[in-house]
Amino acid sequence: MKPRPICMLVLAMLTFAVIGCSKNVNEEPPQSPPPTTVVNPATAGNIAGTIRLEGEPPNFRPIDMSAEPACVKANSGPVIPQIVITGKHGALAGVVVYIKSGLGRYKYDVAMTPVALNQKGCMYGPRVLALRVGQPLEVHNEDPTTHNINVRARDNRSWNRSETPGQPPFSETFSHPELGIPITCNIHPWMRAYLFVFDNPYYDVTRKTGDFALKSLPPGTYTIEAWQEYYGAQDQTVTLAPKETKSISFVFKALPK
């Protein structure tokens, strides 16, 4: 008996769907060619500035480390979470400043100097850190107790490694840009850090002076973002002419107590 036309149509559609799915699964997504243009130092400029907190910083309770005697012993007194750190005149530390948009595709030198994440006094230091794609993150354990470093990435490979007392530092790298990757310790749940991974060198993390600098930028119009763990993010649009140096500032407002 000859197949009915409608059956033949359904069979053809199913065959097409199977072939199409197989093709999508096996095909690699198209990739852009690597950039070849370099920033011209003769026309490059700079954006620099300060970040401060207006108002009184919050008061955080001391961390209860009583469940881990080694952590208590490693600290001379109560330990306050380093979520909001200020210097003189409200200068705000631990703020990541970077180019959110406006940067073209340029070729940069490879960053090979490791960025250190330390575990000391059962705390991560620094709490906020940044590096480049492919740049090593070097993890140290200076404590007399074991830690585990749980990196919960979304766009990169997540990993979770233990580090025993006296163990040599180990290194990991990241293949893709990603902002605000949480780092935690499952053994000591109060330990927390945030990692930013960039595909360009135009970023900075403020110290207690609140200063930042984005150097050797090509001319253009940029959105500059300042991210702080407790207060969130602020954006500013900046147009930079050839050889120009511009100064900007960000002011975060303290939350009501």
C-alpha atoms as a PDB file:
ATOM      1  CA  MET A   1       0.000   0.000   0.000  1.00  0.00           C
ATOM      2  CA  LYS A   2       1.399   3.419  -1.006  1.00  0.00           C
ATOM      3  CA  PRO A   3       2.049   5.832   1.881  1.00  0.00           C
ATOM      4  CA  ARG A   4      -0.385   8.642   2.135  1.00  0.00           C
ATOM      5  CA  PRO A   5       0.904  12.122   1.199  1.00  0.00           C
ATOM      6  CA  ILE A   6       0.422  13.451   4.753  1.00  0.00           C
ATOM      7  CA  CYS A   7       2.504  10.596   6.194  1.00  0.00           C
ATOM      8  CA  MET A   8       5.268  11.302   3.690  1.00  0.00           C
ATOM      9  CA  LEU A   9       5.216  14.984   4.677  1.00  0.00           C
ATOM     10  CA  VAL A  10       5.507  14.163   8.404  1.00  0.00           C
ATOM     11  CA  LEU A  11       8.368  11.740   7.699  1.00  0.00           C
ATOM     12  CA  ALA A  12      10.209  14.386   5.686  1.00  0.00           C
ATOM     13  CA  MET A  13       9.775  16.962   8.465  1.00  0.00           C
ATOM     14  CA  LEU A  14      11.090  14.548  11.121  1.00  0.00           C
ATOM     15  CA  THR A  15      14.108  13.661   8.966  1.00  0.00           C
ATOM     16  CA  PHE A  16      14.893  17.346   8.445  1.00  0.00           C
ATOM     17  CA  ALA A  17      14.595  18.052  12.194  1.00  0.00           C
ATOM     18  CA  VAL A  18      16.980  15.183  13.088  1.00  0.00           C
ATOM     19  CA  ILE A  19      19.557  16.302  10.504  1.00  0.00           C
ATOM     20  CA  GLY A  20      19.247  19.910  11.643  1.00  0.00           C
ATOM     21  CA  CYS A  21      19.719  19.002  15.328  1.00  0.00           C
ATOM     22  CA  SER A  22      22.747  16.836  14.541  1.00  0.00           C
ATOM     23  CA  LYS A  23      24.289  19.675  12.571  1.00  0.00           C
ATOM     24  CA  ASN A  24      23.751  22.191  15.389  1.00  0.00           C
ATOM     25  CA  VAL A  25      25.235  19.866  18.013  1.00  0.00           C
ATOM     26  CA  ASN A  26      28.393  19.129  16.042  1.00  0.00           C
ATOM     27  CA  GLU A  27      29.079  22.563  14.623  1.00  0.00           C
ATOM     28  CA  GLU A  28      31.422  24.924  16.467  1.00  0.00           C
ATOM     29  CA  PRO A  29      30.029  28.442  16.950  1.00  0.00           C
ATOM     30  CA  PRO A  30      31.638  30.954  14.584  1.00  0.00           C
ATOM     31  CA  GLN A  31      34.535  32.834  16.166  1.00  0.00           C
ATOM     32  CA  SER A  32      35.750  36.317  15.327  1.00  0.00           C
ATOM     33  CA  PRO A  33      39.329  36.577  14.127  1.00  0.00           C
ATOM     34  CA  PRO A  34      41.759  37.871  16.774  1.00  0.00           C
ATOM     35  CA  PRO A  35      42.247  41.649  16.720  1.00  0.00           C
ATOM     36  CA  THR A  36      45.407  42.990  15.085  1.00  0.00           C
ATOM     37  CA  THR A  37      45.072  46.740  15.763  1.00  0.00           C
ATOM     38  CA  VAL A  38      47.205  48.118  18.604  1.00  0.00           C
ATOM     39  CA  VAL A  39      46.605  51.310  20.571  1.00  0.00           C
ATOM     40  CA  ASN A  40      48.610  54.206  19.179  1.00  0.00           C
ATOM     41  CA  PRO A  41      50.621  55.682  22.091  1.00  0.00           C
ATOM     42  CA  ALA A  42      50.918  58.996  20.226  1.00  0.00           C
ATOM     43  CA  THR A  43      47.158  59.622  20.550  1.00  0.00           C
ATOM     44  CA  ALA A  44      46.383  57.719  23.775  1.00  0.00           C
ATOM     45  CA  GLY A  45      45.014  59.536  26.805  1.00  0.00           C
ATOM     46  CA  ASN A  46      44.145  58.842  30.429  1.00  0.00           C
ATOM     47  CA  ILE A  47      41.129  58.838  32.716  1.00  0.00           C
ATOM     48  CA  ALA A  48      41.811  59.166  36.424  1.00  0.00           C
ATOM     49  CA  GLY A  49      39.871  60.115  39.487  1.00  0.00           C
ATOM     50  CA  THR A  50      38.684  59.331  42.989  1.00  0.00           C
ATOM     51  CA  ILE A  51      35.868  57.462  44.649  1.00  0.00           C
ATOM     52  CA  ARG A  52      34.465  58.372  48.014  1.00  0.00           C
ATOM     53  CA  LEU A  53      31.609  57.611  50.341  1.00  0.00           C
ATOM     54  CA  GLU A  54      29.329  60.439  51.445  1.00  0.00           C
ATOM     55  CA  GLY A  55      28.061  59.749  54.952  1.00  0.00           C
ATOM     56  CA  GLU A  56      28.887  57.239  57.650  1.00  0.00           C
ATOM     57  CA  PRO A  57      29.913  53.708  56.636  1.00  0.00           C
ATOM     58  CA  PRO A  58      27.832  50.831  58.008  1.00  0.00           C
ATOM     59  CA  ASN A  59      28.769  48.979  61.175  1.00  0.00           C
ATOM     60  CA  PHE A  60      29.179  45.252  60.618  1.00  0.00           C
ATOM     61  CA  ARG A  61      29.143  42.696  63.407  1.00  0.00           C
ATOM     62  CA  PRO A  62      32.367  40.848  64.192  1.00  0.00           C
ATOM     63  CA  ILE A  63      32.638  37.422  62.599  1.00  0.00           C
ATOM     64  CA  ASP A  64      31.953  34.462  64.871  1.00  0.00           C
ATOM     65  CA  MET A  65      34.918  32.128  64.339  1.00  0.00           C
ATOM     66  CA  SER A  66      34.400  30.154  67.555  1.00  0.00           C
ATOM     67  CA  ALA A  67      33.716  26.931  65.637  1.00  0.00           C
ATOM     68  CA  GLU A  68      37.312  27.004  64.343  1.00  0.00           C
ATOM     69  CA  PRO A  69      39.850  27.486  67.183  1.00  0.00           C
ATOM     70  CA  ALA A  70      42.715  27.798  64.682  1.00  0.00           C
ATOM     71  CA  CYS A  71      41.014  30.840  63.142  1.00  0.00           C
ATOM     72  CA  VAL A  72      40.435  32.441  66.547  1.00  0.00           C
ATOM     73  CA  LYS A  73      44.082  31.900  67.426  1.00  0.00           C
ATOM     74  CA  ALA A  74      45.227  33.359  64.088  1.00  0.00           C
ATOM     75  CA  ASN A  75      43.635  36.736  64.923  1.00  0.00           C
ATOM     76  CA  SER A  76      44.605  39.062  67.756  1.00  0.00           C
ATOM     77  CA  GLY A  77      41.051  40.348  68.207  1.00  0.00           C
ATOM     78  CA  PRO A  78      37.572  40.539  66.667  1.00  0.00           C
ATOM     79  CA  VAL A  79      37.474  40.446  62.865  1.00  0.00           C
ATOM     80  CA  ILE A  80      35.094  42.765  61.000  1.00  0.00           C
ATOM     81  CA  PRO A  81      34.008  41.835  57.445  1.00  0.00           C
ATOM     82  CA  GLN A  82      35.889  44.011  54.952  1.00  0.00           C
ATOM     83  CA  ILE A  83      32.776  44.903  52.959  1.00  0.00           C
ATOM     84  CA  VAL A  84      33.075  48.704  53.155  1.00  0.00           C
ATOM     85  CA  ILE A  85      36.566  50.105  53.756  1.00  0.00           C
ATOM     86  CA  THR A  86      37.143  53.838  53.892  1.00  0.00           C
ATOM     87  CA  GLY A  87      40.182  56.075  54.236  1.00  0.00           C
ATOM     88  CA  LYS A  88      40.566  59.778  54.879  1.00  0.00           C
ATOM     89  CA  HIS A  89      37.717  62.084  53.860  1.00  0.00           C
ATOM     90  CA  GLY A  90      35.498  59.142  52.922  1.00  0.00           C
ATOM     91  CA  ALA A  91      37.874  57.663  50.313  1.00  0.00           C
ATOM     92  CA  LEU A  92      36.437  54.300  49.343  1.00  0.00           C
ATOM     93  CA  ALA A  93      38.568  51.182  48.849  1.00  0.00           C
ATOM     94  CA  GLY A  94      37.728  47.946  47.071  1.00  0.00           C
ATOM     95  CA  VAL A  95      35.885  49.594  44.169  1.00  0.00           C
ATOM     96  CA  VAL A  96      36.437  48.131  40.704  1.00  0.00           C
ATOM     97  CA  VAL A  97      36.575  50.791  37.975  1.00  0.00           C
ATOM     98  CA  TYR A  98      36.501  49.624  34.364  1.00  0.00           C
ATOM     99  CA  ILE A  99      35.296  50.389  30.845  1.00  0.00           C
ATOM    100  CA  LYS A 100      31.788  49.053  30.504  1.00  0.00           C
ATOM    101  CA  SER A 101      31.352  49.976  26.828  1.00  0.00           C
ATOM    102  CA  GLY A 102      32.875  51.991  24.004  1.00  0.00           C
ATOM    103  CA  LEU A 103      36.187  50.212  23.620  1.00  0.00           C
ATOM    104  CA  GLY A 104      37.019  48.884  20.162  1.00  0.00           C
ATOM    105  CA  ARG A 105      38.792  45.608  19.465  1.00  0.00           C
ATOM    106  CA  TYR A 106      42.506  46.003  20.114  1.00  0.00           C
ATOM    107  CA  LYS A 107      45.432  43.677  20.562  1.00  0.00           C
ATOM    108  CA  TYR A 108      47.207  43.896  23.934  1.00  0.00           C
ATOM    109  CA  ASP A 109      50.316  42.430  25.475  1.00  0.00           C
ATOM    110  CA  VAL A 110      49.745  39.217  27.422  1.00  0.00           C
ATOM    111  CA  ALA A 111      49.623  39.692  31.215  1.00  0.00           C
ATOM    112  CA  MET A 112      51.692  36.970  32.899  1.00  0.00           C
ATOM    113  CA  THR A 113      52.412  38.408  36.358  1.00  0.00           C
ATOM    114  CA  PRO A 114      50.321  36.400  38.864  1.00  0.00           C
ATOM    115  CA  VAL A 115      47.638  38.104  40.951  1.00  0.00           C
ATOM    116  CA  ALA A 116      47.695  36.790  44.518  1.00  0.00           C
ATOM    117  CA  LEU A 117      44.708  35.704  46.578  1.00  0.00           C
ATOM    118  CA  ASN A 118      45.868  35.211  50.171  1.00  0.00           C
ATOM    119  CA  GLN A 119      44.215  33.245  52.976  1.00  0.00           C
ATOM    120  CA  LYS A 120      45.390  34.664  56.272  1.00  0.00           C
ATOM    121  CA  GLY A 121      43.561  34.843  59.586  1.00  0.00           C
ATOM    122  CA  CYS A 122      40.838  32.769  57.922  1.00  0.00           C
ATOM    123  CA  MET A 123      40.001  35.660  55.610  1.00  0.00           C
ATOM    124  CA  TYR A 124      40.573  36.263  51.920  1.00  0.00           C
ATOM    125  CA  GLY A 125      42.785  39.159  50.984  1.00  0.00           C
ATOM    126  CA  PRO A 126      42.164  41.182  49.024  1.00  0.00           C
ATOM    127  CA  ARG A 127      38.408  40.822  49.173  1.00  0.00           C
ATOM    128  CA  VAL A 128      38.042  42.313  45.668  1.00  0.00           C
ATOM    129  CA  LEU A 129      40.603  41.583  42.963  1.00  0.00           C
ATOM    130  CA  ALA A 130      40.891  41.795  39.193  1.00  0.00           C
ATOM    131  CA  LEU A 131      43.030  40.235  36.485  1.00  0.00           C
ATOM    132  CA  ARG A 132      43.197  39.604  32.743  1.00  0.00           C
ATOM    133  CA  VAL A 133      42.070  36.666  30.676  1.00  0.00           C
ATOM    134  CA  GLY A 134      44.895  34.121  30.833  1.00  0.00           C
ATOM    135  CA  GLN A 135      46.638  35.849  33.748  1.00  0.00           C
ATOM    136  CA  PRO A 136      47.393  33.469  36.643  1.00  0.00           C
ATOM    137  CA  LEU A 137      45.450  33.692  39.887  1.00  0.00           C
ATOM    138  CA  GLU A 138      47.908  32.473  42.527  1.00  0.00           C
ATOM    139  CA  VAL A 139      46.281  31.184  45.720  1.00  0.00           C
ATOM    140  CA  HIS A 140      48.230  31.134  49.008  1.00  0.00           C
ATOM    141  CA  ASN A 141      47.327  29.581  52.365  1.00  0.00           C
ATOM    142  CA  GLU A 142      49.158  31.208  55.278  1.00  0.00           C
ATOM    143  CA  ASP A 143      46.883  29.689  57.933  1.00  0.00           C
ATOM    144  CA  PRO A 144      47.482  26.649  60.169  1.00  0.00           C
ATOM    145  CA  THR A 145      44.236  25.134  58.907  1.00  0.00           C
ATOM    146  CA  THR A 146      42.850  23.767  55.634  1.00  0.00           C
ATOM    147  CA  HIS A 147      40.772  25.967  53.349  1.00  0.00           C
ATOM    148  CA  ASN A 148      38.875  25.173  50.206  1.00  0.00           C
ATOM    149  CA  ILE A 149      38.583  27.735  47.442  1.00  0.00           C
ATOM    150  CA  ASN A 150      35.215  27.534  45.719  1.00  0.00           C
ATOM    151  CA  VAL A 151      35.136  29.664  42.554  1.00  0.00           C
ATOM    152  CA  ARG A 152      31.545  29.833  41.284  1.00  0.00           C
ATOM    153  CA  ALA A 153      31.923  31.143  37.754  1.00  0.00           C
ATOM    154  CA  ARG A 154      29.217  31.409  35.106  1.00  0.00           C
ATOM    155  CA  ASP A 155      31.132  32.092  31.876  1.00  0.00           C
ATOM    156  CA  ASN A 156      34.337  30.354  32.957  1.00  0.00           C
ATOM    157  CA  ARG A 157      34.989  26.933  34.433  1.00  0.00           C
ATOM    158  CA  SER A 158      33.919  26.712  38.063  1.00  0.00           C
ATOM    159  CA  TRP A 159      36.316  24.908  40.384  1.00  0.00           C
ATOM    160  CA  ASN A 160      36.694  23.984  44.030  1.00  0.00           C
ATOM    161  CA  ARG A 161      40.129  23.105  45.439  1.00  0.00           C
ATOM    162  CA  SER A 162      41.410  22.432  48.945  1.00  0.00           C
ATOM    163  CA  GLU A 163      44.657  23.900  50.233  1.00  0.00           C
ATOM    164  CA  THR A 164      46.264  22.437  53.345  1.00  0.00           C
ATOM    165  CA  PRO A 165      48.607  24.264  55.762  1.00  0.00           C
ATOM    166  CA  GLY A 166      52.090  24.634  54.307  1.00  0.00           C
ATOM    167  CA  GLN A 167      50.996  23.607  50.815  1.00  0.00           C
ATOM    168  CA  PRO A 168      52.727  25.566  48.031  1.00  0.00           C
ATOM    169  CA  PRO A 169      50.577  28.132  46.211  1.00  0.00           C
ATOM    170  CA  PHE A 170      48.662  26.905  43.174  1.00  0.00           C
ATOM    171  CA  SER A 171      47.578  28.814  40.075  1.00  0.00           C
ATOM    172  CA  GLU A 172      44.482  28.897  37.906  1.00  0.00           C
ATOM    173  CA  THR A 173      43.625  30.938  34.811  1.00  0.00           C
ATOM    174  CA  PHE A 174      40.370  32.119  33.237  1.00  0.00           C
ATOM    175  CA  SER A 175      39.496  31.976  29.542  1.00  0.00           C
ATOM    176  CA  HIS A 176      36.668  34.502  29.307  1.00  0.00           C
ATOM    177  CA  PRO A 177      35.838  37.959  30.691  1.00  0.00           C
ATOM    178  CA  GLU A 178      33.510  37.767  33.676  1.00  0.00           C
ATOM    179  CA  LEU A 179      32.483  40.244  36.369  1.00  0.00           C
ATOM    180  CA  GLY A 180      32.049  39.627  40.089  1.00  0.00           C
ATOM    181  CA  ILE A 181      32.838  35.912  40.357  1.00  0.00           C
ATOM    182  CA  PRO A 182      32.098  34.867  43.978  1.00  0.00           C
ATOM    183  CA  ILE A 183      34.842  33.012  45.815  1.00  0.00           C
ATOM    184  CA  THR A 184      33.914  31.226  49.054  1.00  0.00           C
ATOM    185  CA  CYS A 185      35.268  28.672  51.500  1.00  0.00           C
ATOM    186  CA  ASN A 186      32.861  25.866  52.388  1.00  0.00           C
ATOM    187  CA  ILE A 187      34.840  25.075  55.522  1.00  0.00           C
ATOM    188  CA  HIS A 188      34.702  28.674  56.801  1.00  0.00           C
ATOM    189  CA  PRO A 189      31.484  30.194  55.396  1.00  0.00           C
ATOM    190  CA  TRP A 190      32.323  33.773  56.409  1.00  0.00           C
ATOM    191  CA  MET A 191      35.216  33.866  53.917  1.00  0.00           C
ATOM    192  CA  ARG A 192      34.273  35.674  50.709  1.00  0.00           C
ATOM    193  CA  ALA A 193      35.979  37.439  47.811  1.00  0.00           C
ATOM    194  CA  TYR A 194      35.017  38.706  44.358  1.00  0.00           C
ATOM    195  CA  LEU A 195      37.044  38.263  41.188  1.00  0.00           C
ATOM    196  CA  PHE A 196      36.787  40.329  37.993  1.00  0.00           C
ATOM    197  CA  VAL A 197      38.271  39.025  34.737  1.00  0.00           C
ATOM    198  CA  PHE A 198      38.877  41.476  31.866  1.00  0.00           C
ATOM    199  CA  ASP A 199      40.010  41.084  28.256  1.00  0.00           C
ATOM    200  CA  ASN A 200      41.733  44.486  28.270  1.00  0.00           C
ATOM    201  CA  PRO A 201      44.053  46.397  30.634  1.00  0.00           C
ATOM    202  CA  TYR A 202      41.670  49.277  31.364  1.00  0.00           C
ATOM    203  CA  TYR A 203      40.564  48.616  34.931  1.00  0.00           C
ATOM    204  CA  ASP A 204      41.645  49.414  38.474  1.00  0.00           C
ATOM    205  CA  VAL A 205      40.719  48.529  42.053  1.00  0.00           C
ATOM    206  CA  THR A 206      40.854  51.380  44.533  1.00  0.00           C
ATOM    207  CA  ARG A 207      42.955  51.350  47.687  1.00  0.00           C
ATOM    208  CA  LYS A 208      42.208  53.340  50.854  1.00  0.00           C
ATOM    209  CA  THR A 209      43.143  56.533  49.000  1.00  0.00           C
ATOM    210  CA  GLY A 210      40.137  56.012  46.705  1.00  0.00           C
ATOM    211  CA  ASP A 211      42.258  56.810  43.626  1.00  0.00           C
ATOM    212  CA  PHE A 212      42.032  55.012  40.285  1.00  0.00           C
ATOM    213  CA  ALA A 213      43.629  55.393  36.857  1.00  0.00           C
ATOM    214  CA  LEU A 214      42.852  54.015  33.387  1.00  0.00           C
ATOM    215  CA  LYS A 215      45.999  54.738  31.359  1.00  0.00           C
ATOM    216  CA  SER A 216      46.911  54.762  27.655  1.00  0.00           C
ATOM    217  CA  LEU A 217      43.329  54.736  26.393  1.00  0.00           C
ATOM    218  CA  PRO A 218      42.623  55.311  22.695  1.00  0.00           C
ATOM    219  CA  PRO A 219      40.427  58.351  21.952  1.00  0.00           C
ATOM    220  CA  GLY A 220      36.716  57.639  22.138  1.00  0.00           C
ATOM    221  CA  THR A 221      33.507  57.863  24.118  1.00  0.00           C
ATOM    222  CA  TYR A 222      33.309  55.421  26.998  1.00  0.00           C
ATOM    223  CA  THR A 223      30.948  54.289  29.694  1.00  0.00           C
ATOM    224  CA  ILE A 224      32.995  53.981  32.879  1.00  0.00           C
ATOM    225  CA  GLU A 225      31.537  51.838  35.642  1.00  0.00           C
ATOM    226  CA  ALA A 226      32.459  51.803  39.330  1.00  0.00           C
ATOM    227  CA  TRP A 227      31.332  48.682  41.223  1.00  0.00           C
ATOM    228  CA  GLN A 228      31.236  48.366  45.001  1.00  0.00           C
ATOM    229  CA  GLU A 229      30.087  45.218  46.782  1.00  0.00           C
ATOM    230  CA  TYR A 230      27.688  46.910  49.231  1.00  0.00           C
ATOM    231  CA  TYR A 231      26.531  49.989  47.286  1.00  0.00           C
ATOM    232  CA  GLY A 232      26.237  48.557  43.780  1.00  0.00           C
ATOM    233  CA  ALA A 233      27.394  50.231  40.559  1.00  0.00           C
ATOM    234  CA  GLN A 234      27.502  53.720  39.069  1.00  0.00           C
ATOM    235  CA  ASP A 235      28.149  54.711  35.435  1.00  0.00           C
ATOM    236  CA  GLN A 236      29.572  57.815  33.799  1.00  0.00           C
ATOM    237  CA  THR A 237      30.005  58.649  30.108  1.00  0.00           C
ATOM    238  CA  VAL A 238      33.358  60.178  29.224  1.00  0.00           C
ATOM    239  CA  THR A 239      34.601  61.417  25.835  1.00  0.00           C
ATOM    240  CA  LEU A 240      38.377  61.349  25.566  1.00  0.00           C
ATOM    241  CA  ALA A 241      40.139  63.359  22.865  1.00  0.00           C
ATOM    242  CA  PRO A 242      43.599  62.418  21.534  1.00  0.00           C
ATOM    243  CA  LYS A 243      46.326  62.884  24.176  1.00  0.00           C
ATOM    244  CA  GLU A 244      43.738  64.139  26.673  1.00  0.00           C
ATOM    245  CA  THR A 245      43.755  63.407  30.400  1.00  0.00           C
ATOM    246  CA  LYS A 246      40.403  63.635  32.133  1.00  0.00           C
ATOM    247  CA  SER A 247      39.557  63.571  35.811  1.00  0.00           C
ATOM    248  CA  ILE A 248      36.256  62.176  37.075  1.00  0.00           C
ATOM    249  CA  SER A 249      34.880  61.189  40.451  1.00  0.00           C
ATOM    250  CA  PHE A 250      32.253  58.843  41.813  1.00  0.00           C
ATOM    251  CA  VAL A 251      30.360  59.483  45.054  1.00  0.00           C
ATOM    252  CA  PHE A 252      28.455  56.687  46.750  1.00  0.00           C
ATOM    253  CA  LYS A 253      25.813  57.672  49.298  1.00  0.00           C
ATOM    254  CA  ALA A 254      25.727  55.950  52.664  1.00  0.00           C
ATOM    255  CA  LEU A 255      22.539  54.026  53.368  1.00  0.00           C
ATOM    256  CA  PRO A 256      20.341  54.998  56.326  1.00  0.00           C
ATOM    257  CA  LYS A 257      21.185  53.108  59.504  1.00  0.00           C
END
